[in-house]
Protein backbone atom coordinates (compact mmCIF):
# COMPACT_ATOMS: atom_id res chain seq x y z
CA MET A 1 87.45 110.33 128.72
CA ASP A 2 84.63 112.87 129.00
CA SER A 3 81.79 112.80 126.51
CA GLU A 4 82.48 116.28 125.11
CA TYR A 5 86.03 115.32 124.20
CA GLU A 6 84.82 112.03 122.73
CA GLU A 7 82.22 113.83 120.62
CA GLU A 8 84.89 116.24 119.37
CA LEU A 9 87.12 113.33 118.36
CA LEU A 10 84.26 111.55 116.60
CA ALA A 11 83.39 114.71 114.69
CA LYS A 12 87.01 115.15 113.62
CA LEU A 13 87.16 111.49 112.55
CA ALA A 14 83.99 111.87 110.48
CA GLU A 15 85.41 115.01 108.85
CA MET A 16 88.67 113.25 107.99
CA ARG A 17 86.84 110.22 106.56
CA GLU A 18 84.75 112.48 104.35
CA GLU A 19 87.82 114.36 103.12
CA HIS A 20 89.58 111.05 102.48
CA SER A 21 86.62 109.78 100.47
CA ASP A 22 86.47 113.03 98.46
CA LEU A 23 90.17 112.78 97.68
CA ASP A 24 89.74 109.15 96.57
CA GLN A 25 87.01 110.22 94.15
CA VAL A 26 89.05 113.06 92.68
CA ILE A 27 92.14 110.85 92.33
CA SER A 28 90.11 108.14 90.59
CA LYS A 29 88.63 110.63 88.14
CA LEU A 30 92.03 112.16 87.38
CA MET A 31 93.52 108.75 86.66
CA VAL A 32 90.96 107.89 83.95
CA THR A 33 90.48 111.31 82.36
CA PRO A 34 93.06 112.07 79.67
CA PRO A 35 95.35 113.90 79.76
CA VAL A 36 96.42 112.80 83.21
CA ASP A 37 97.83 115.65 85.28
CA PHE A 38 100.50 113.71 87.16
CA ILE A 39 101.58 116.68 89.25
CA GLN A 40 98.04 117.30 90.48
CA LEU A 41 97.59 113.57 91.04
CA GLN A 42 100.76 113.41 93.15
CA ARG A 43 99.70 116.43 95.21
CA LEU A 44 96.32 114.87 95.96
CA LYS A 45 97.91 111.57 96.95
CA LYS A 46 100.29 113.39 99.32
CA ARG A 47 97.37 115.32 100.80
CA LYS A 48 95.47 112.08 101.29
CA LEU A 49 98.43 110.49 103.06
CA SER A 50 98.97 113.50 105.29
CA SER A 51 95.32 113.45 106.34
CA GLN A 52 95.74 109.92 107.69
CA ARG A 53 97.92 111.11 110.56
């Protein structure tokens, strides 16, 4: 594997980890802030799952 490709993959991984962390924070806040918007919560959870692929 060449170093340029490896750097690109590492950058993408870092980006996905940051997005995943951001989604976790938003989901946590939505779950404890009444009224809970279950539709928005479900959309964020689906987005989080799809970003794991």
